[in-house]
C-alpha atoms as a PDB file:
ATOM      1  CA  MET A   1     -11.076   6.741 -68.696  1.00  0.00           C
ATOM      2  CA  PRO A   2     -12.887   9.839 -70.080  1.00  0.00           C
ATOM      3  CA  GLU A   3     -14.033  10.799 -66.571  1.00  0.00           C
ATOM      4  CA  GLU A   4     -10.492  10.611 -65.188  1.00  0.00           C
ATOM      5  CA  ILE A   5      -9.193  12.750 -68.035  1.00  0.00           C
ATOM      6  CA  LEU A   6     -11.932  15.356 -67.565  1.00  0.00           C
ATOM      7  CA  ASN A   7     -11.409  15.514 -63.785  1.00  0.00           C
ATOM      8  CA  SER A   8      -7.712  16.293 -64.290  1.00  0.00           C
ATOM      9  CA  ALA A   9      -7.888  18.022 -67.667  1.00  0.00           C
ATOM     10  CA  PRO A  10      -5.273  20.764 -66.980  1.00  0.00           C
ATOM     11  CA  LEU A  11      -2.692  18.222 -65.790  1.00  0.00           C
ATOM     12  CA  PHE A  12      -3.579  15.860 -68.616  1.00  0.00           C
ATOM     13  CA  LEU A  13      -2.950  18.584 -71.196  1.00  0.00           C
ATOM     14  CA  LEU A  14       0.450  19.340 -69.656  1.00  0.00           C
ATOM     15  CA  VAL A  15       1.454  15.666 -69.852  1.00  0.00           C
ATOM     16  CA  ALA A  16       0.069  15.427 -73.389  1.00  0.00           C
ATOM     17  CA  ALA A  17       2.072  18.497 -74.477  1.00  0.00           C
ATOM     18  CA  ARG A  18       5.344  16.837 -73.471  1.00  0.00           C
ATOM     19  CA  CYS A  19       4.360  13.547 -75.120  1.00  0.00           C
ATOM     20  CA  ALA A  20       3.364  15.417 -78.290  1.00  0.00           C
ATOM     21  CA  GLY A  21       6.688  17.259 -78.395  1.00  0.00           C
ATOM     22  CA  LEU A  22       8.493  13.894 -78.257  1.00  0.00           C
ATOM     23  CA  ILE A  23       6.269  12.090 -80.763  1.00  0.00           C
ATOM     24  CA  PHE A  24       6.328  14.827 -83.380  1.00  0.00           C
ATOM     25  CA  THR A  25      10.161  15.069 -83.354  1.00  0.00           C
ATOM     26  CA  LEU A  26      11.100  11.416 -82.821  1.00  0.00           C
ATOM     27  CA  PRO A  27      12.458   9.468 -85.832  1.00  0.00           C
ATOM     28  CA  LEU A  28       9.897   7.267 -87.561  1.00  0.00           C
ATOM     29  CA  PHE A  29       6.946   8.810 -85.677  1.00  0.00           C
ATOM     30  CA  SER A  30       7.686  12.271 -87.090  1.00  0.00           C
ATOM     31  CA  MET A  31       7.375  11.046 -90.688  1.00  0.00           C
ATOM     32  CA  ARG A  32       4.668  12.687 -92.760  1.00  0.00           C
ATOM     33  CA  THR A  33       3.515   9.274 -93.933  1.00  0.00           C
ATOM     34  CA  VAL A  34       2.439   8.432 -90.365  1.00  0.00           C
ATOM     35  CA  SER A  35      -1.154   9.525 -89.901  1.00  0.00           C
ATOM     36  CA  ARG A  36      -1.573  12.611 -87.752  1.00  0.00           C
ATOM     37  CA  THR A  37      -4.642  10.984 -86.220  1.00  0.00           C
ATOM     38  CA  ALA A  38      -2.503   8.026 -85.131  1.00  0.00           C
ATOM     39  CA  LYS A  39       0.065  10.396 -83.595  1.00  0.00           C
ATOM     40  CA  ILE A  40      -2.586  12.284 -81.628  1.00  0.00           C
ATOM     41  CA  ALA A  41      -4.150   9.015 -80.458  1.00  0.00           C
ATOM     42  CA  LEU A  42      -0.750   7.738 -79.310  1.00  0.00           C
ATOM     43  CA  VAL A  43      -0.126  11.029 -77.485  1.00  0.00           C
ATOM     44  CA  GLY A  44      -3.476  10.665 -75.694  1.00  0.00           C
ATOM     45  CA  TYR A  45      -2.799   7.083 -74.592  1.00  0.00           C
ATOM     46  CA  MET A  46       0.728   7.918 -73.418  1.00  0.00           C
ATOM     47  CA  ALA A  47      -0.496  10.961 -71.491  1.00  0.00           C
ATOM     48  CA  PHE A  48      -3.197   8.880 -69.777  1.00  0.00           C
ATOM     49  CA  PHE A  49      -0.792   6.142 -68.647  1.00  0.00           C
ATOM     50  CA  LEU A  50       1.864   8.636 -67.522  1.00  0.00           C
ATOM     51  CA  LEU A  51      -0.565  10.967 -65.737  1.00  0.00           C
ATOM     52  CA  GLY A  52      -0.015   9.223 -62.407  1.00  0.00           C
ATOM     53  CA  LYS A  53       3.781   9.514 -62.684  1.00  0.00           C
ATOM     54  CA  ALA A  54       3.790  13.252 -63.375  1.00  0.00           C
ATOM     55  CA  ASP A  55       4.557  15.323 -60.266  1.00  0.00           C
ATOM     56  CA  TYR A  56       3.106  18.747 -61.029  1.00  0.00           C
ATOM     57  CA  SER A  57       2.630  19.925 -57.444  1.00  0.00           C
ATOM     58  CA  VAL A  58       4.971  22.819 -58.260  1.00  0.00           C
ATOM     59  CA  TYR A  59       2.290  24.157 -60.622  1.00  0.00           C
ATOM     60  CA  LYS A  60      -0.353  24.555 -57.897  1.00  0.00           C
ATOM     61  CA  SER A  61       0.060  28.314 -57.956  1.00  0.00           C
ATOM     62  CA  VAL A  62      -0.974  28.322 -61.620  1.00  0.00           C
ATOM     63  CA  ILE A  63      -3.663  25.626 -61.583  1.00  0.00           C
ATOM     64  CA  THR A  64      -6.255  26.192 -58.853  1.00  0.00           C
ATOM     65  CA  GLU A  65      -8.225  23.521 -57.025  1.00  0.00           C
ATOM     66  CA  ASP A  66     -11.351  24.084 -59.106  1.00  0.00           C
ATOM     67  CA  GLY A  67      -9.360  23.354 -62.286  1.00  0.00           C
ATOM     68  CA  THR A  68      -9.270  26.889 -63.649  1.00  0.00           C
ATOM     69  CA  PHE A  69      -6.007  28.436 -64.802  1.00  0.00           C
ATOM     70  CA  ASP A  70      -4.580  31.761 -65.922  1.00  0.00           C
ATOM     71  CA  MET A  71      -2.473  32.816 -68.909  1.00  0.00           C
ATOM     72  CA  TYR A  72       0.686  31.376 -67.342  1.00  0.00           C
ATOM     73  CA  TYR A  73      -0.777  27.976 -68.141  1.00  0.00           C
ATOM     74  CA  ILE A  74      -0.187  28.612 -71.864  1.00  0.00           C
ATOM     75  CA  LEU A  75       3.496  29.203 -71.120  1.00  0.00           C
ATOM     76  CA  LEU A  76       3.578  25.977 -69.125  1.00  0.00           C
ATOM     77  CA  LEU A  77       2.151  24.092 -72.106  1.00  0.00           C
ATOM     78  CA  ALA A  78       4.853  25.572 -74.361  1.00  0.00           C
ATOM     79  CA  GLY A  79       7.546  24.646 -71.829  1.00  0.00           C
ATOM     80  CA  GLU A  80       6.305  21.069 -71.511  1.00  0.00           C
ATOM     81  CA  ALA A  81       6.246  20.711 -75.291  1.00  0.00           C
ATOM     82  CA  MET A  82       9.821  22.086 -75.394  1.00  0.00           C
ATOM     83  CA  ILE A  83      11.001  19.354 -72.998  1.00  0.00           C
ATOM     84  CA  GLY A  84       9.560  16.714 -75.324  1.00  0.00           C
ATOM     85  CA  VAL A  85      11.156  18.390 -78.340  1.00  0.00           C
ATOM     86  CA  ILE A  86      14.556  18.369 -76.598  1.00  0.00           C
ATOM     87  CA  MET A  87      14.280  14.620 -75.992  1.00  0.00           C
ATOM     88  CA  GLY A  88      13.221  13.920 -79.562  1.00  0.00           C
ATOM     89  CA  PHE A  89      15.937  16.203 -80.931  1.00  0.00           C
ATOM     90  CA  TYR A  90      18.603  14.317 -78.982  1.00  0.00           C
ATOM     91  CA  VAL A  91      17.449  11.009 -80.457  1.00  0.00           C
ATOM     92  CA  GLN A  92      17.544  12.672 -83.890  1.00  0.00           C
ATOM     93  CA  ILE A  93      21.189  13.585 -83.201  1.00  0.00           C
ATOM     94  CA  ILE A  94      22.014   9.923 -82.559  1.00  0.00           C
ATOM     95  CA  PHE A  95      20.439   8.903 -85.867  1.00  0.00           C
ATOM     96  CA  ALA A  96      22.129  11.760 -87.706  1.00  0.00           C
ATOM     97  CA  ALA A  97      25.540  10.276 -86.847  1.00  0.00           C
ATOM     98  CA  PHE A  98      24.850   7.219 -89.020  1.00  0.00           C
ATOM     99  CA  SER A  99      23.525   9.237 -91.940  1.00  0.00           C
ATOM    100  CA  THR A 100      26.499  11.622 -91.692  1.00  0.00           C
ATOM    101  CA  ALA A 101      28.945   8.706 -91.689  1.00  0.00           C
ATOM    102  CA  ALA A 102      27.523   7.450 -94.980  1.00  0.00           C
ATOM    103  CA  GLN A 103      27.741  10.933 -96.495  1.00  0.00           C
ATOM    104  CA  PHE A 104      31.461  11.046 -95.687  1.00  0.00           C
ATOM    105  CA  PHE A 105      32.336   8.156 -98.003  1.00  0.00           C
ATOM    106  CA  ALA A 106      29.411   8.449-100.448  1.00  0.00           C
ATOM    107  CA  PHE A 107      31.335  11.106-102.392  1.00  0.00           C
ATOM    108  CA  GLN A 108      34.368   8.849-102.786  1.00  0.00           C
ATOM    109  CA  MET A 109      32.132   5.978-103.895  1.00  0.00           C
ATOM    110  CA  GLY A 110      30.522   8.131-106.551  1.00  0.00           C
ATOM    111  CA  PHE A 111      27.090   7.973-104.907  1.00  0.00           C
ATOM    112  CA  SER A 112      26.985  11.577-103.721  1.00  0.00           C
ATOM    113  CA  ALA A 113      25.053  12.613-106.824  1.00  0.00           C
ATOM    114  CA  ALA A 114      22.488   9.844-106.238  1.00  0.00           C
ATOM    115  CA  SER A 115      20.504  11.739-103.606  1.00  0.00           C
ATOM    116  CA  ALA A 116      16.791  11.392-102.989  1.00  0.00           C
ATOM    117  CA  TYR A 117      14.265  12.394-100.369  1.00  0.00           C
ATOM    118  CA  ASP A 118      14.708  10.232 -97.279  1.00  0.00           C
ATOM    119  CA  ALA A 119      11.344   9.611 -95.605  1.00  0.00           C
ATOM    120  CA  LEU A 120      13.010   8.667 -92.303  1.00  0.00           C
ATOM    121  CA  SER A 121      15.267  11.702 -91.879  1.00  0.00           C
ATOM    122  CA  GLN A 122      12.976  13.925 -94.032  1.00  0.00           C
ATOM    123  CA  VAL A 123      15.903  15.529 -95.863  1.00  0.00           C
ATOM    124  CA  GLU A 124      17.754  15.013 -99.130  1.00  0.00           C
ATOM    125  CA  ASN A 125      20.116  12.167 -98.366  1.00  0.00           C
ATOM    126  CA  PRO A 126      22.558  10.066-100.455  1.00  0.00           C
ATOM    127  CA  LEU A 127      21.523   6.464-101.009  1.00  0.00           C
ATOM    128  CA  MET A 128      24.118   5.147 -98.576  1.00  0.00           C
ATOM    129  CA  GLY A 129      22.890   7.590 -95.933  1.00  0.00           C
ATOM    130  CA  GLN A 130      19.362   6.264 -96.407  1.00  0.00           C
ATOM    131  CA  PHE A 131      20.638   2.688 -96.147  1.00  0.00           C
ATOM    132  CA  PHE A 132      22.504   3.355 -92.884  1.00  0.00           C
ATOM    133  CA  ASN A 133      19.551   5.305 -91.526  1.00  0.00           C
ATOM    134  CA  LEU A 134      17.205   2.408 -92.293  1.00  0.00           C
ATOM    135  CA  VAL A 135      19.539  -0.132 -90.666  1.00  0.00           C
ATOM    136  CA  ALA A 136      19.816   2.068 -87.570  1.00  0.00           C
ATOM    137  CA  MET A 137      16.027   2.352 -87.388  1.00  0.00           C
ATOM    138  CA  LEU A 138      15.608  -1.430 -87.607  1.00  0.00           C
ATOM    139  CA  ILE A 139      18.181  -1.920 -84.827  1.00  0.00           C
ATOM    140  CA  PHE A 140      16.471   0.728 -82.714  1.00  0.00           C
ATOM    141  CA  ILE A 141      13.138  -1.062 -83.051  1.00  0.00           C
ATOM    142  CA  HIS A 142      14.519  -4.602 -82.696  1.00  0.00           C
ATOM    143  CA  ALA A 143      16.477  -3.814 -79.515  1.00  0.00           C
ATOM    144  CA  GLY A 144      13.406  -2.278 -77.872  1.00  0.00           C
ATOM    145  CA  TRP A 145      14.852   1.193 -77.509  1.00  0.00           C
ATOM    146  CA  PHE A 146      11.508   2.777 -78.372  1.00  0.00           C
ATOM    147  CA  GLN A 147       9.931   1.057 -75.381  1.00  0.00           C
ATOM    148  CA  LYS A 148      12.845   2.030 -73.130  1.00  0.00           C
ATOM    149  CA  LEU A 149      12.626   5.632 -74.299  1.00  0.00           C
ATOM    150  CA  PHE A 150       8.891   5.828 -73.611  1.00  0.00           C
ATOM    151  CA  LEU A 151       8.687   3.721 -70.441  1.00  0.00           C
ATOM    152  CA  THR A 152      11.958   4.797 -68.819  1.00  0.00           C
ATOM    153  CA  GLY A 153      13.112   8.061 -70.370  1.00  0.00           C
ATOM    154  CA  LEU A 154       9.756   9.812 -70.572  1.00  0.00           C
ATOM    155  CA  SER A 155       8.749   8.545 -67.135  1.00  0.00           C
ATOM    156  CA  LYS A 156      12.016   9.796 -65.592  1.00  0.00           C
ATOM    157  CA  SER A 157      11.608  13.149 -67.292  1.00  0.00           C
ATOM    158  CA  PHE A 158       8.260  13.650 -65.522  1.00  0.00           C
ATOM    159  CA  GLU A 159       9.806  12.734 -62.182  1.00  0.00           C
ATOM    160  CA  ALA A 160      12.899  14.928 -62.571  1.00  0.00           C
ATOM    161  CA  LEU A 161      12.160  17.842 -64.892  1.00  0.00           C
ATOM    162  CA  ASN A 162       9.456  20.469 -65.178  1.00  0.00           C
ATOM    163  CA  VAL A 163       9.274  23.854 -66.857  1.00  0.00           C
ATOM    164  CA  PHE A 164      10.900  25.627 -63.909  1.00  0.00           C
ATOM    165  CA  GLY A 165      13.667  23.031 -63.898  1.00  0.00           C
ATOM    166  CA  LEU A 166      14.101  23.590 -67.629  1.00  0.00           C
ATOM    167  CA  VAL A 167      14.876  27.238 -66.868  1.00  0.00           C
ATOM    168  CA  ASN A 168      17.005  26.603 -63.763  1.00  0.00           C
ATOM    169  CA  TYR A 169      19.122  23.875 -65.380  1.00  0.00           C
ATOM    170  CA  GLN A 170      19.284  25.292 -68.884  1.00  0.00           C
ATOM    171  CA  LYS A 171      23.092  25.335 -68.718  1.00  0.00           C
ATOM    172  CA  ASN A 172      23.178  21.585 -68.010  1.00  0.00           C
ATOM    173  CA  ILE A 173      20.761  20.889 -70.866  1.00  0.00           C
ATOM    174  CA  VAL A 174      22.587  23.099 -73.391  1.00  0.00           C
ATOM    175  CA  THR A 175      25.912  21.502 -72.441  1.00  0.00           C
ATOM    176  CA  PHE A 176      24.348  18.070 -72.838  1.00  0.00           C
ATOM    177  CA  LEU A 177      23.020  18.864 -76.319  1.00  0.00           C
ATOM    178  CA  LEU A 178      26.362  20.354 -77.427  1.00  0.00           C
ATOM    179  CA  LYS A 179      28.099  17.221 -76.194  1.00  0.00           C
ATOM    180  CA  GLY A 180      25.638  15.192 -78.256  1.00  0.00           C
ATOM    181  CA  LEU A 181      26.509  17.202 -81.383  1.00  0.00           C
ATOM    182  CA  THR A 182      30.202  16.590 -80.715  1.00  0.00           C
ATOM    183  CA  ASN A 183      29.587  12.864 -80.345  1.00  0.00           C
ATOM    184  CA  LEU A 184      27.640  12.954 -83.618  1.00  0.00           C
ATOM    185  CA  PHE A 185      30.715  13.823 -85.666  1.00  0.00           C
ATOM    186  CA  ALA A 186      32.985  11.583 -83.583  1.00  0.00           C
ATOM    187  CA  ASP A 187      30.722   8.562 -84.135  1.00  0.00           C
ATOM    188  CA  ALA A 188      30.352   9.401 -87.837  1.00  0.00           C
ATOM    189  CA  ILE A 189      34.140   9.530 -88.293  1.00  0.00           C
ATOM    190  CA  ILE A 190      34.596   6.219 -86.442  1.00  0.00           C
ATOM    191  CA  ILE A 191      32.038   4.493 -88.688  1.00  0.00           C
ATOM    192  CA  ALA A 192      33.270   5.993 -91.948  1.00  0.00           C
ATOM    193  CA  LEU A 193      37.047   6.033 -91.342  1.00  0.00           C
ATOM    194  CA  PRO A 194      37.839   2.411 -92.394  1.00  0.00           C
ATOM    195  CA  ILE A 195      35.945   2.818 -95.678  1.00  0.00           C
ATOM    196  CA  MET A 196      37.234   6.361 -96.311  1.00  0.00           C
ATOM    197  CA  GLY A 197      40.839   5.348 -95.625  1.00  0.00           C
ATOM    198  CA  THR A 198      40.646   2.325 -97.897  1.00  0.00           C
ATOM    199  CA  LEU A 199      39.082   4.339-100.721  1.00  0.00           C
ATOM    200  CA  VAL A 200      41.779   7.018-100.386  1.00  0.00           C
ATOM    201  CA  LEU A 201      44.490   4.375-100.746  1.00  0.00           C
ATOM    202  CA  ILE A 202      42.735   2.887-103.783  1.00  0.00           C
ATOM    203  CA  THR A 203      42.457   6.359-105.334  1.00  0.00           C
ATOM    204  CA  ILE A 204      46.191   6.956-104.839  1.00  0.00           C
ATOM    205  CA  CYS A 205      47.075   3.552-106.305  1.00  0.00           C
ATOM    206  CA  THR A 206      44.779   4.149-109.278  1.00  0.00           C
ATOM    207  CA  GLY A 207      46.382   7.535-109.918  1.00  0.00           C
ATOM    208  CA  LEU A 208      49.897   6.107-109.764  1.00  0.00           C
ATOM    209  CA  LEU A 209      49.025   3.231-112.104  1.00  0.00           C
ATOM    210  CA  SER A 210      47.331   5.566-114.586  1.00  0.00           C
ATOM    211  CA  LYS A 211      50.478   7.691-114.674  1.00  0.00           C
ATOM    212  CA  ALA A 212      52.753   4.674-115.049  1.00  0.00           C
ATOM    213  CA  ALA A 213      50.604   3.053-117.754  1.00  0.00           C
ATOM    214  CA  PRO A 214      48.244   5.631-119.372  1.00  0.00           C
ATOM    215  CA  GLN A 215      47.002   3.050-121.873  1.00  0.00           C
ATOM    216  CA  MET A 216      45.265   1.195-119.016  1.00  0.00           C
ATOM    217  CA  ASN A 217      42.877   4.179-118.563  1.00  0.00           C
ATOM    218  CA  LEU A 218      42.184   3.249-114.955  1.00  0.00           C
ATOM    219  CA  LEU A 219      40.640   6.607-114.080  1.00  0.00           C
ATOM    220  CA  SER A 220      37.652   5.885-116.328  1.00  0.00           C
ATOM    221  CA  GLU A 221      37.127   2.644-114.407  1.00  0.00           C
ATOM    222  CA  GLY A 222      37.583   4.322-111.040  1.00  0.00           C
ATOM    223  CA  PHE A 223      33.919   4.633-110.066  1.00  0.00           C
ATOM    224  CA  PRO A 224      33.006   0.949-110.626  1.00  0.00           C
ATOM    225  CA  ILE A 225      36.111  -0.079-108.693  1.00  0.00           C
ATOM    226  CA  MET A 226      35.281   2.271-105.829  1.00  0.00           C
ATOM    227  CA  ILE A 227      31.665   1.131-105.658  1.00  0.00           C
ATOM    228  CA  LEU A 228      32.565  -2.572-105.633  1.00  0.00           C
ATOM    229  CA  LEU A 229      35.280  -2.114-103.015  1.00  0.00           C
ATOM    230  CA  ALA A 230      33.082   0.073-100.806  1.00  0.00           C
ATOM    231  CA  PHE A 231      30.239  -2.442-100.861  1.00  0.00           C
ATOM    232  CA  GLY A 232      32.713  -5.244-100.176  1.00  0.00           C
ATOM    233  CA  LEU A 233      34.063  -3.368 -97.134  1.00  0.00           C
ATOM    234  CA  ILE A 234      30.545  -2.649 -95.887  1.00  0.00           C
ATOM    235  CA  ILE A 235      29.703  -6.381 -96.131  1.00  0.00           C
ATOM    236  CA  ILE A 236      32.888  -7.325 -94.266  1.00  0.00           C
ATOM    237  CA  LEU A 237      32.419  -4.670 -91.569  1.00  0.00           C
ATOM    238  CA  PHE A 238      28.637  -4.886 -91.348  1.00  0.00           C
ATOM    239  CA  GLY A 239      28.636  -6.904 -88.114  1.00  0.00           C
ATOM    240  CA  ASP A 240      30.944  -4.410 -86.404  1.00  0.00           C
ATOM    241  CA  ILE A 241      28.881  -1.499 -87.737  1.00  0.00           C
ATOM    242  CA  VAL A 242      25.673  -3.015 -86.328  1.00  0.00           C
ATOM    243  CA  ASN A 243      27.361  -3.540 -82.948  1.00  0.00           C
ATOM    244  CA  PHE A 244      28.526   0.064 -83.002  1.00  0.00           C
ATOM    245  CA  PHE A 245      24.965   1.206 -83.738  1.00  0.00           C
ATOM    246  CA  GLY A 246      23.731  -0.668 -80.681  1.00  0.00           C
ATOM    247  CA  LYS A 247      26.478   0.775 -78.458  1.00  0.00           C
ATOM    248  CA  ALA A 248      25.746   4.290 -79.722  1.00  0.00           C
ATOM    249  CA  PHE A 249      22.054   3.947 -78.814  1.00  0.00           C
ATOM    250  CA  ASN A 250      22.919   2.467 -75.438  1.00  0.00           C
ATOM    251  CA  THR A 251      25.400   5.232 -74.623  1.00  0.00           C
ATOM    252  CA  GLY A 252      23.197   8.047 -75.905  1.00  0.00           C
ATOM    253  CA  LEU A 253      20.030   7.029 -74.059  1.00  0.00           C
ATOM    254  CA  SER A 254      21.992   6.188 -70.913  1.00  0.00           C
ATOM    255  CA  ASP A 255      23.416   9.720 -70.969  1.00  0.00           C
ATOM    256  CA  LEU A 256      19.875  11.084 -71.389  1.00  0.00           C
ATOM    257  CA  PHE A 257      18.607   9.093 -68.404  1.00  0.00           C
ATOM    258  CA  MET A 258      21.643  10.185 -66.391  1.00  0.00           C
ATOM    259  CA  LEU A 259      20.858  13.828 -67.201  1.00  0.00           C
ATOM    260  CA  PHE A 260      17.373  13.392 -65.743  1.00  0.00           C
ATOM    261  CA  ASP A 261      18.804  11.706 -62.634  1.00  0.00           C
ATOM    262  CA  ASN A 262      21.300  14.549 -62.124  1.00  0.00           C
ATOM    263  CA  ILE A 263      18.596  17.192 -62.507  1.00  0.00           C
ATOM    264  CA  GLY A 264      16.357  15.255 -60.138  1.00  0.00           C
ATOM    265  CA  ASN A 265      19.197  15.263 -57.574  1.00  0.00           C
ATOM    266  CA  GLY A 266      19.655  19.004 -57.865  1.00  0.00           C
ATOM    267  CA  GLY A 267      22.003  19.154 -60.848  1.00  0.00           C
ATOM    268  CA  SER A 268      24.882  17.484 -59.007  1.00  0.00           C
END
């Protein structure tokens, strides 16, 4: 293994740069609690196994037969890392939809003030956002999407996309990422709308009752009512929410693989 890596060191570094860009931006792996040594080791193993699938014949003008290279090689490394970052960023967009959905109704529940640092998303996140993010991560791991992303998505990216393709098809990639951001808010609204709508109706009913009978003082009991009802709705809808999580991952990664296929076919 060390001899093979040394004999093709320039190509190995290019493959490792793309793998590193993906690992260091992918949910779960990008956490600070994950050892940097473990990340680098995983990058090395992935680069070694994917070295045979990487078609870098287009880089022959930069990498000579004796293995030497010029300053353009540094730009190639940056471009390869950017491709990995784009893939990891798109997966982050999919996860952000679930966290955003929880933030939509966390304010109505009264949990918006209960924010803490979320180790998974690495941002300040309400408790419900952390809960949804954790459930999404468990589904992502249980369904084997990590393996599909590494074995299928990363492998297809080496076959279809290189740094020159990143420049030539930048319009396709930017459009794809903007579409992903649009789907983020659409998915978040779909997840949160049943709970948000129910809580709005309860708020209206509570306001009307407090006006009709002020001695009941329902507004002071509003937060406990909202919290209990919201958790009850989440329990009732939890199966549908989990199914939606799975469909969102399936659709998002299928679109990513389709993007690589289209670029590999000339952007058609």
